[in-house]
Amino acid sequence: MNAPANLVVKRIISGSPEEVFEAWTQPPLMRQWLAPGENEVVEAHTDVRVGGRFQIRSIAPDRTLHTIDGQYRELAAGRRIVMTWSYSGPVELLCRMETLLEIDFVSAPGGRTALTLVQTQIATQDALEAYRDGWPTCFEKLERSFGAMKNS
């Protein structure tokens, strides 16, 4: 058995730390971006408090359903979120594994946010690679959603 692996993803997002924090915690905003690749979020539910739970359901182009759920462990509005992250669905290598996300938001020039995501307790190298491939596609959608809001 492999030792648990860690993933670090850094990204500059065109929104303030408070706005990016809300994009992680408010269901209407989560639905715009929090699914990898061509998957689309069809449901998002949150209970944004320490100990509260969240659930995200997305659908793939082949109509398969993917579910993420977890619990908030730490919340500092506009600064930090720590939460568990558990996947269930057809991607077997991600099932039966609870990882931990630590997301930090720091002000960057131009009203932007330096986002750092650290995902720990990833059970296998294949799962690490799947998450490494998936997060950038989510963050591209997040960036587009902020661009759309700024232009509307």
Protein backbone atom coordinates (compact mmCIF):
# COMPACT_ATOMS: atom_id res chain seq x y z
CA MET A 1 0.00 0.00 0.00
CA ASN A 2 1.28 3.46 -0.91
CA ALA A 3 1.69 6.16 1.71
CA PRO A 4 -0.93 8.91 1.48
CA ALA A 5 0.08 11.65 -0.96
CA ASN A 6 -0.39 15.42 -0.93
CA LEU A 7 -1.27 17.78 -3.75
CA VAL A 8 -0.64 21.54 -3.83
CA VAL A 9 -2.35 23.74 -6.43
CA LYS A 10 -1.82 27.51 -6.64
CA ARG A 11 -3.84 29.88 -8.76
CA ILE A 12 -4.52 33.62 -9.10
CA ILE A 13 -8.28 34.28 -9.34
CA SER A 14 -9.86 37.55 -10.53
CA GLY A 15 -11.98 38.13 -7.45
CA SER A 16 -11.37 39.36 -3.93
CA PRO A 17 -10.60 36.84 -1.18
CA GLU A 18 -14.13 37.37 0.15
CA GLU A 19 -15.66 36.70 -3.28
CA VAL A 20 -13.55 33.58 -3.85
CA PHE A 21 -14.44 32.30 -0.37
CA GLU A 22 -18.12 32.73 -1.26
CA ALA A 23 -17.56 30.83 -4.52
CA TRP A 24 -16.48 27.85 -2.36
CA THR A 25 -19.39 28.10 0.09
CA GLN A 26 -22.50 29.48 -1.67
CA PRO A 27 -24.44 26.87 -3.71
CA PRO A 28 -25.43 29.17 -6.62
CA LEU A 29 -21.77 30.09 -7.10
CA MET A 30 -20.50 26.53 -6.55
CA ARG A 31 -22.79 25.34 -9.34
CA GLN A 32 -20.88 27.53 -11.80
CA TRP A 33 -17.52 25.86 -11.39
CA LEU A 34 -17.00 23.10 -8.82
CA ALA A 35 -16.88 20.06 -11.14
CA PRO A 36 -13.92 19.01 -13.28
CA GLY A 37 -13.70 19.01 -17.05
CA GLU A 38 -17.01 18.96 -18.89
CA ASN A 39 -18.94 17.85 -15.81
CA GLU A 40 -21.65 20.25 -14.64
CA VAL A 41 -22.82 20.77 -11.07
CA VAL A 42 -26.54 19.94 -10.85
CA GLU A 43 -26.95 20.25 -7.06
CA ALA A 44 -24.99 21.91 -4.28
CA HIS A 45 -25.95 22.09 -0.62
CA THR A 46 -23.99 23.67 2.22
CA ASP A 47 -24.25 24.18 5.95
CA VAL A 48 -21.42 26.68 6.27
CA ARG A 49 -20.29 26.32 9.87
CA VAL A 50 -17.61 24.30 11.58
CA GLY A 51 -19.05 20.79 11.75
CA GLY A 52 -21.55 21.57 8.99
CA ARG A 53 -21.70 19.39 5.90
CA PHE A 54 -21.76 20.04 2.17
CA GLN A 55 -22.69 18.00 -0.87
CA ILE A 56 -22.03 18.58 -4.57
CA ARG A 57 -23.56 16.49 -7.33
CA SER A 58 -22.35 16.78 -10.88
CA ILE A 59 -23.25 15.07 -14.10
CA ALA A 60 -20.80 14.05 -16.81
CA PRO A 61 -21.44 14.30 -20.56
CA ASP A 62 -22.17 10.53 -20.52
CA ARG A 63 -24.92 11.26 -17.91
CA THR A 64 -23.11 9.53 -15.02
CA LEU A 65 -23.62 11.09 -11.60
CA HIS A 66 -20.67 12.08 -9.40
CA THR A 67 -21.08 13.09 -5.75
CA ILE A 68 -18.70 14.86 -3.39
CA ASP A 69 -19.53 15.36 0.23
CA GLY A 70 -17.70 16.37 3.34
CA GLN A 71 -17.61 18.39 6.49
CA TYR A 72 -16.26 21.85 7.27
CA ARG A 73 -13.46 21.66 9.82
CA GLU A 74 -12.29 25.28 9.82
CA LEU A 75 -13.81 28.45 8.35
CA ALA A 76 -12.30 31.94 8.34
CA ALA A 77 -14.36 34.09 5.96
CA GLY A 78 -12.24 35.47 3.14
CA ARG A 79 -9.11 33.71 4.43
CA ARG A 80 -9.31 29.94 4.84
CA ILE A 81 -11.44 26.81 4.53
CA VAL A 82 -10.52 23.36 5.80
CA MET A 83 -12.92 20.56 4.86
CA THR A 84 -13.06 16.86 4.23
CA TRP A 85 -13.67 15.73 0.64
CA SER A 86 -15.14 12.30 -0.22
CA TYR A 87 -16.07 11.18 -3.74
CA SER A 88 -18.62 8.58 -4.75
CA GLY A 89 -19.40 7.70 -8.33
CA PRO A 90 -18.08 5.75 -11.29
CA VAL A 91 -14.40 6.78 -10.93
CA GLU A 92 -13.43 3.81 -8.77
CA LEU A 93 -9.92 5.01 -7.92
CA LEU A 94 -11.39 8.02 -6.04
CA CYS A 95 -14.01 6.06 -4.06
CA ARG A 96 -13.72 5.01 -0.42
CA MET A 97 -11.18 7.73 0.34
CA GLU A 98 -11.65 10.79 2.52
CA THR A 99 -9.14 13.52 1.74
CA LEU A 100 -8.65 16.84 3.45
CA LEU A 101 -8.72 20.18 1.61
CA GLU A 102 -7.03 23.25 3.02
CA ILE A 103 -7.78 26.32 0.92
CA ASP A 104 -6.13 29.65 1.68
CA PHE A 105 -7.09 32.99 0.14
CA VAL A 106 -4.62 35.92 0.12
CA SER A 107 -5.15 39.35 -1.45
CA ALA A 108 -3.20 39.85 -4.65
CA PRO A 109 -2.68 43.05 -6.69
CA GLY A 110 -5.56 44.27 -8.82
CA GLY A 111 -8.34 43.03 -6.52
CA ARG A 112 -7.38 39.42 -7.19
CA THR A 113 -6.80 36.44 -4.91
CA ALA A 114 -3.84 34.10 -4.58
CA LEU A 115 -5.56 30.78 -3.89
CA THR A 116 -3.58 27.86 -2.50
CA LEU A 117 -5.27 24.46 -2.26
CA VAL A 118 -3.55 21.66 -0.36
CA GLN A 119 -5.22 18.26 -0.61
CA THR A 120 -3.86 15.65 1.78
CA GLN A 121 -4.58 12.02 2.62
CA ILE A 122 -4.83 10.99 -1.06
CA ALA A 123 -4.52 7.21 -0.88
CA THR A 124 -2.85 6.37 -4.21
CA GLN A 125 -0.66 7.90 -6.89
CA ASP A 126 -3.41 7.32 -9.48
CA ALA A 127 -5.88 9.27 -7.33
CA LEU A 128 -3.31 12.04 -6.90
CA GLU A 129 -2.93 12.28 -10.69
CA ALA A 130 -6.72 12.38 -11.16
CA TYR A 131 -7.04 15.27 -8.71
CA ARG A 132 -3.98 16.99 -10.22
CA ASP A 133 -5.70 16.84 -13.63
CA GLY A 134 -9.13 17.86 -12.30
CA TRP A 135 -8.48 20.90 -10.12
CA PRO A 136 -7.02 23.13 -12.87
CA THR A 137 -10.15 22.58 -14.99
CA CYS A 138 -12.31 23.62 -12.03
CA PHE A 139 -10.21 26.75 -11.48
CA GLU A 140 -10.49 27.66 -15.16
CA LYS A 141 -14.28 27.58 -14.75
CA LEU A 142 -14.00 29.62 -11.55
CA GLU A 143 -11.91 32.24 -13.34
CA ARG A 144 -14.43 32.37 -16.22
CA SER A 145 -17.29 32.80 -13.73
CA PHE A 146 -15.56 35.84 -12.21
CA GLY A 147 -14.91 37.24 -15.68
CA ALA A 148 -18.61 36.83 -16.51
CA MET A 149 -19.64 38.59 -13.28
CA LYS A 150 -17.26 41.49 -13.93
CA ASN A 151 -18.60 41.90 -17.49
CA SER A 152 -22.30 41.77 -16.61
